[in-house]
Amino acid sequence: MKHYADTKRRDMSYDVGDLVYVRLRPYRQQSLSDSTYHKLSKRFYGPYKILARIGTVAYQLDLPAESKIHPVFHCSLLKRHHGPAPDTNPIPLEAFNHQPIIRPLAILATRLDN
C-alpha cells in the first residue's frame, strides 16, 4: 500500500540561487488580495531568488520589502521556474477594505474652492 502512495509523491529540493514561484492563498491572506473575486486572482507570484535553505523543507526567498510577508516558505508552496528570468509579477501592495491603495504619479494642477 505504501508503494502505491509513494508513486504520487515526489521529492522537491531547490538550490540556493534558483528562481521559484510562490503560491499565495488570497482567501487566507486578505491583505494581499487585489480583487474581491478570489477565484480570479493569481495563484503564483514571482519568480523570486532562493537566498537560503532552512531545515530540510523550508526556503528563504528574496521578497521585496513592501510585500510585508515572512520570507520563509515550505517547499510545497514553491514551484520551479524554467527558462530565462521574465519580469516578476509583484506581490500586491497592502489593501484597505479589499481595495488596493492607489497613489497618484504626479499632481498636475491644484484648485481651491471657496
N, C-alpha and C. Protein backbone atom coordinates (compact mmCIF):
# COMPACT_ATOMS: atom_id res chain seq x y z
N MET A 1 0.82 -1.19 0.00
CA MET A 1 0.00 0.00 0.00
C MET A 1 0.87 1.26 0.00
N LYS A 2 1.97 1.21 0.75
CA LYS A 2 2.88 2.35 0.77
C LYS A 2 3.49 2.58 -0.60
N HIS A 3 3.74 1.52 -1.32
CA HIS A 3 4.32 1.63 -2.65
C HIS A 3 3.41 2.44 -3.58
N TYR A 4 2.10 2.22 -3.54
CA TYR A 4 1.17 2.94 -4.39
C TYR A 4 1.03 4.40 -3.97
N ALA A 5 1.11 4.66 -2.69
CA ALA A 5 1.03 6.04 -2.22
C ALA A 5 2.29 6.82 -2.60
N ASP A 6 3.43 6.17 -2.57
CA ASP A 6 4.69 6.85 -2.89
C ASP A 6 4.84 7.15 -4.38
N THR A 7 4.10 6.48 -5.24
CA THR A 7 4.22 6.76 -6.66
C THR A 7 3.68 8.14 -7.00
N LYS A 8 2.77 8.68 -6.21
CA LYS A 8 2.21 10.01 -6.45
C LYS A 8 3.00 11.11 -5.76
N ARG A 9 3.96 10.75 -4.96
CA ARG A 9 4.75 11.74 -4.23
C ARG A 9 6.09 11.93 -4.92
N ARG A 10 6.64 13.16 -4.76
CA ARG A 10 7.95 13.43 -5.34
C ARG A 10 8.75 14.28 -4.37
N ASP A 11 10.04 14.06 -4.36
CA ASP A 11 10.92 14.86 -3.52
C ASP A 11 11.24 16.15 -4.25
N MET A 12 11.01 17.27 -3.56
CA MET A 12 11.30 18.57 -4.14
C MET A 12 12.47 19.18 -3.38
N SER A 13 13.50 19.51 -4.08
CA SER A 13 14.62 20.20 -3.46
C SER A 13 15.12 21.26 -4.43
N TYR A 14 15.48 22.39 -3.89
CA TYR A 14 15.95 23.52 -4.68
C TYR A 14 17.33 23.92 -4.18
N ASP A 15 18.10 24.54 -5.04
CA ASP A 15 19.43 25.02 -4.69
C ASP A 15 19.37 26.52 -4.43
N VAL A 16 20.34 27.01 -3.67
CA VAL A 16 20.44 28.45 -3.42
C VAL A 16 20.74 29.14 -4.75
N GLY A 17 19.97 30.18 -5.06
CA GLY A 17 20.13 30.90 -6.32
C GLY A 17 19.11 30.52 -7.36
N ASP A 18 18.34 29.45 -7.16
CA ASP A 18 17.30 29.06 -8.11
C ASP A 18 16.16 30.08 -8.07
N LEU A 19 15.44 30.16 -9.18
CA LEU A 19 14.26 31.01 -9.25
C LEU A 19 13.02 30.15 -9.06
N VAL A 20 12.13 30.59 -8.18
CA VAL A 20 10.91 29.85 -7.89
C VAL A 20 9.72 30.80 -7.83
N TYR A 21 8.54 30.25 -8.07
CA TYR A 21 7.30 30.99 -7.90
C TYR A 21 6.74 30.66 -6.52
N VAL A 22 6.06 31.62 -5.92
CA VAL A 22 5.48 31.45 -4.58
C VAL A 22 3.97 31.33 -4.73
N ARG A 23 3.40 30.35 -4.08
CA ARG A 23 1.95 30.17 -4.10
C ARG A 23 1.36 30.91 -2.91
N LEU A 24 0.44 31.82 -3.20
CA LEU A 24 -0.26 32.56 -2.16
C LEU A 24 -1.73 32.20 -2.21
N ARG A 25 -2.37 32.25 -1.07
CA ARG A 25 -3.79 31.94 -0.98
C ARG A 25 -4.53 33.21 -0.59
N PRO A 26 -5.15 33.90 -1.56
CA PRO A 26 -5.76 35.19 -1.25
C PRO A 26 -6.96 35.09 -0.32
N TYR A 27 -7.62 33.95 -0.24
CA TYR A 27 -8.75 33.84 0.68
C TYR A 27 -8.27 33.77 2.12
N ARG A 28 -7.01 33.42 2.35
CA ARG A 28 -6.45 33.43 3.70
C ARG A 28 -5.69 34.71 3.98
N GLN A 29 -4.99 35.20 2.99
CA GLN A 29 -4.19 36.41 3.15
C GLN A 29 -4.99 37.57 2.56
N GLN A 30 -5.96 38.05 3.33
CA GLN A 30 -6.87 39.08 2.86
C GLN A 30 -6.16 40.38 2.53
N SER A 31 -5.08 40.69 3.22
CA SER A 31 -4.38 41.95 2.96
C SER A 31 -3.70 41.95 1.59
N LEU A 32 -3.46 40.79 1.01
CA LEU A 32 -2.79 40.71 -0.28
C LEU A 32 -3.75 40.62 -1.45
N SER A 33 -5.00 40.41 -1.18
CA SER A 33 -5.95 40.21 -2.25
C SER A 33 -6.20 41.52 -2.98
N ASP A 34 -6.01 41.52 -4.30
CA ASP A 34 -6.25 42.72 -5.08
C ASP A 34 -7.61 42.69 -5.76
N SER A 35 -8.40 41.71 -5.49
CA SER A 35 -9.69 41.56 -6.13
C SER A 35 -10.68 40.96 -5.13
N THR A 36 -11.96 41.27 -5.33
CA THR A 36 -12.97 40.67 -4.46
C THR A 36 -13.29 39.25 -4.91
N TYR A 37 -12.93 38.90 -6.15
CA TYR A 37 -13.17 37.57 -6.67
C TYR A 37 -11.89 36.75 -6.51
N HIS A 38 -11.86 35.93 -5.47
CA HIS A 38 -10.65 35.19 -5.16
C HIS A 38 -10.34 34.11 -6.20
N LYS A 39 -11.34 33.61 -6.86
CA LYS A 39 -11.09 32.58 -7.86
C LYS A 39 -10.33 33.12 -9.06
N LEU A 40 -10.45 34.43 -9.30
CA LEU A 40 -9.80 35.02 -10.47
C LEU A 40 -8.43 35.60 -10.16
N SER A 41 -8.03 35.59 -8.91
CA SER A 41 -6.73 36.17 -8.56
C SER A 41 -5.61 35.19 -8.91
N LYS A 42 -4.39 35.71 -8.97
CA LYS A 42 -3.23 34.89 -9.32
C LYS A 42 -2.94 33.90 -8.21
N ARG A 43 -2.43 32.76 -8.57
CA ARG A 43 -2.06 31.75 -7.59
C ARG A 43 -0.56 31.78 -7.29
N PHE A 44 0.24 32.06 -8.28
CA PHE A 44 1.70 32.07 -8.11
C PHE A 44 2.24 33.46 -8.45
N TYR A 45 3.16 33.92 -7.62
CA TYR A 45 3.82 35.20 -7.82
C TYR A 45 5.31 34.95 -7.94
N GLY A 46 5.95 35.75 -8.77
CA GLY A 46 7.39 35.61 -8.87
C GLY A 46 7.86 35.70 -10.29
N PRO A 47 9.01 35.18 -10.61
CA PRO A 47 9.88 34.32 -9.82
C PRO A 47 10.76 35.11 -8.86
N TYR A 48 11.10 34.48 -7.76
CA TYR A 48 11.97 35.06 -6.74
C TYR A 48 13.16 34.14 -6.52
N LYS A 49 14.25 34.74 -6.10
CA LYS A 49 15.50 34.01 -5.91
C LYS A 49 15.55 33.39 -4.52
N ILE A 50 16.05 32.16 -4.42
CA ILE A 50 16.22 31.49 -3.14
C ILE A 50 17.52 31.98 -2.51
N LEU A 51 17.42 32.51 -1.29
CA LEU A 51 18.59 33.01 -0.57
C LEU A 51 19.25 31.94 0.28
N ALA A 52 18.43 31.13 0.96
CA ALA A 52 19.00 30.13 1.88
C ALA A 52 18.01 28.99 2.06
N ARG A 53 18.55 27.84 2.44
CA ARG A 53 17.73 26.69 2.80
C ARG A 53 17.70 26.61 4.31
N ILE A 54 16.50 26.53 4.87
CA ILE A 54 16.32 26.48 6.32
C ILE A 54 15.72 25.13 6.66
N GLY A 55 16.46 24.32 7.35
CA GLY A 55 16.00 22.97 7.67
C GLY A 55 16.03 22.10 6.42
N THR A 56 15.11 21.15 6.37
CA THR A 56 15.09 20.23 5.22
C THR A 56 14.03 20.58 4.20
N VAL A 57 13.00 21.33 4.60
CA VAL A 57 11.89 21.59 3.67
C VAL A 57 11.52 23.06 3.54
N ALA A 58 12.23 23.97 4.17
CA ALA A 58 11.88 25.39 4.11
C ALA A 58 12.98 26.17 3.39
N TYR A 59 12.55 27.23 2.69
CA TYR A 59 13.48 28.06 1.93
C TYR A 59 13.19 29.53 2.19
N GLN A 60 14.26 30.33 2.25
CA GLN A 60 14.12 31.77 2.41
C GLN A 60 14.26 32.41 1.04
N LEU A 61 13.30 33.30 0.70
CA LEU A 61 13.27 33.91 -0.62
C LEU A 61 13.62 35.39 -0.54
N ASP A 62 14.04 35.94 -1.66
CA ASP A 62 14.37 37.36 -1.77
C ASP A 62 13.11 38.11 -2.19
N LEU A 63 12.23 38.39 -1.23
CA LEU A 63 10.99 39.11 -1.49
C LEU A 63 11.23 40.61 -1.37
N PRO A 64 10.42 41.42 -2.08
CA PRO A 64 10.55 42.86 -1.91
C PRO A 64 10.13 43.29 -0.51
N ALA A 65 10.68 44.40 -0.03
CA ALA A 65 10.42 44.85 1.34
C ALA A 65 8.97 45.27 1.54
N GLU A 66 8.31 45.78 0.49
CA GLU A 66 6.94 46.25 0.65
C GLU A 66 5.91 45.12 0.66
N SER A 67 6.33 43.88 0.49
CA SER A 67 5.38 42.77 0.47
C SER A 67 4.80 42.47 1.84
N LYS A 68 5.55 42.74 2.91
CA LYS A 68 5.10 42.52 4.29
C LYS A 68 4.70 41.07 4.54
N ILE A 69 5.45 40.14 3.96
CA ILE A 69 5.22 38.71 4.14
C ILE A 69 6.50 38.10 4.69
N HIS A 70 6.36 37.12 5.55
CA HIS A 70 7.53 36.43 6.07
C HIS A 70 8.23 35.72 4.90
N PRO A 71 9.53 35.86 4.75
CA PRO A 71 10.21 35.35 3.55
C PRO A 71 10.53 33.86 3.55
N VAL A 72 10.11 33.09 4.54
CA VAL A 72 10.41 31.66 4.59
C VAL A 72 9.16 30.87 4.21
N PHE A 73 9.31 29.95 3.24
CA PHE A 73 8.18 29.19 2.73
C PHE A 73 8.52 27.71 2.72
N HIS A 74 7.50 26.87 2.92
CA HIS A 74 7.63 25.42 2.80
C HIS A 74 7.79 25.07 1.32
N CYS A 75 8.46 23.98 1.04
CA CYS A 75 8.74 23.62 -0.35
C CYS A 75 7.47 23.29 -1.13
N SER A 76 6.39 22.93 -0.47
CA SER A 76 5.15 22.63 -1.18
C SER A 76 4.48 23.88 -1.72
N LEU A 77 4.88 25.07 -1.24
CA LEU A 77 4.31 26.33 -1.72
C LEU A 77 5.16 26.95 -2.83
N LEU A 78 6.19 26.25 -3.27
CA LEU A 78 7.08 26.77 -4.29
C LEU A 78 6.95 25.96 -5.57
N LYS A 79 7.17 26.63 -6.69
CA LYS A 79 7.16 25.97 -7.99
C LYS A 79 8.38 26.45 -8.77
N ARG A 80 9.14 25.53 -9.32
CA ARG A 80 10.39 25.86 -10.01
C ARG A 80 10.10 26.66 -11.28
N HIS A 81 10.96 27.63 -11.55
CA HIS A 81 10.87 28.42 -12.78
C HIS A 81 11.77 27.78 -13.83
N HIS A 82 11.26 27.65 -15.05
CA HIS A 82 12.02 27.07 -16.15
C HIS A 82 12.23 28.15 -17.21
N GLY A 83 13.41 28.20 -17.77
CA GLY A 83 13.71 29.16 -18.83
C GLY A 83 14.34 30.42 -18.29
N PRO A 84 14.49 31.44 -19.17
CA PRO A 84 15.10 32.70 -18.73
C PRO A 84 14.18 33.45 -17.77
N ALA A 85 14.78 34.32 -16.97
CA ALA A 85 14.02 35.05 -15.94
C ALA A 85 13.18 36.15 -16.58
N PRO A 86 11.84 36.06 -16.51
CA PRO A 86 10.98 37.11 -17.05
C PRO A 86 10.79 38.22 -16.02
N ASP A 87 10.01 39.23 -16.40
CA ASP A 87 9.65 40.26 -15.43
C ASP A 87 8.80 39.62 -14.35
N THR A 88 8.99 40.06 -13.11
CA THR A 88 8.27 39.46 -12.00
C THR A 88 6.87 40.04 -11.88
N ASN A 89 5.94 39.21 -11.43
CA ASN A 89 4.61 39.69 -11.06
C ASN A 89 4.70 40.14 -9.62
N PRO A 90 4.58 41.43 -9.36
CA PRO A 90 4.78 41.89 -7.99
C PRO A 90 3.68 41.40 -7.07
N ILE A 91 4.04 41.19 -5.83
CA ILE A 91 3.05 40.86 -4.82
C ILE A 91 2.22 42.10 -4.58
N PRO A 92 0.90 41.99 -4.53
CA PRO A 92 0.06 43.18 -4.38
C PRO A 92 0.40 43.95 -3.11
N LEU A 93 0.31 45.26 -3.23
CA LEU A 93 0.57 46.11 -2.07
C LEU A 93 -0.55 45.97 -1.06
N GLU A 94 -0.34 46.53 0.09
CA GLU A 94 -1.32 46.48 1.16
C GLU A 94 -2.63 47.10 0.69
N ALA A 95 -3.75 46.49 1.03
CA ALA A 95 -5.06 46.96 0.59
C ALA A 95 -5.85 47.48 1.78
N PHE A 96 -6.80 48.36 1.49
CA PHE A 96 -7.68 48.91 2.50
C PHE A 96 -9.10 48.54 2.11
N ASN A 97 -9.81 47.82 2.96
CA ASN A 97 -11.17 47.34 2.67
C ASN A 97 -11.21 46.55 1.36
N HIS A 98 -10.23 45.72 1.15
CA HIS A 98 -10.14 44.85 -0.02
C HIS A 98 -10.02 45.63 -1.32
N GLN A 99 -9.62 46.89 -1.26
CA GLN A 99 -9.36 47.70 -2.44
C GLN A 99 -7.89 48.11 -2.41
N PRO A 100 -7.18 48.01 -3.51
CA PRO A 100 -5.76 48.39 -3.48
C PRO A 100 -5.60 49.89 -3.24
N ILE A 101 -4.53 50.25 -2.57
CA ILE A 101 -4.24 51.65 -2.31
C ILE A 101 -3.63 52.24 -3.57
N ILE A 102 -4.26 53.28 -4.08
CA ILE A 102 -3.83 53.91 -5.32
C ILE A 102 -3.16 55.23 -4.99
N ARG A 103 -1.97 55.43 -5.50
CA ARG A 103 -1.23 56.67 -5.27
C ARG A 103 -1.02 57.35 -6.62
N PRO A 104 -1.23 58.69 -6.69
CA PRO A 104 -1.02 59.39 -7.96
C PRO A 104 0.46 59.47 -8.30
N LEU A 105 0.75 59.51 -9.60
CA LEU A 105 2.13 59.64 -10.04
C LEU A 105 2.63 61.07 -9.89
N ALA A 106 1.77 62.05 -10.22
CA ALA A 106 2.15 63.46 -10.11
C ALA A 106 0.89 64.30 -9.98
N ILE A 107 1.00 65.45 -9.30
CA ILE A 107 -0.10 66.40 -9.20
C ILE A 107 0.12 67.44 -10.29
N LEU A 108 -0.84 67.54 -11.22
CA LEU A 108 -0.67 68.42 -12.36
C LEU A 108 -1.11 69.85 -12.07
N ALA A 109 -2.20 70.01 -11.34
CA ALA A 109 -2.70 71.35 -11.03
C ALA A 109 -3.52 71.27 -9.75
N THR A 110 -3.68 72.42 -9.09
CA THR A 110 -4.49 72.48 -7.88
C THR A 110 -5.52 73.59 -8.02
N ARG A 111 -6.62 73.46 -7.28
CA ARG A 111 -7.68 74.46 -7.32
C ARG A 111 -8.31 74.53 -5.94
N LEU A 112 -8.53 75.74 -5.45
CA LEU A 112 -9.18 75.95 -4.17
C LEU A 112 -10.59 76.46 -4.41
N ASP A 113 -11.58 75.81 -3.85
CA ASP A 113 -12.97 76.26 -3.96
C ASP A 113 -13.37 76.90 -2.66
N ASN A 114 -13.92 78.13 -2.73
CA ASN A 114 -14.39 78.83 -1.53
C ASN A 114 -15.88 78.79 -1.41
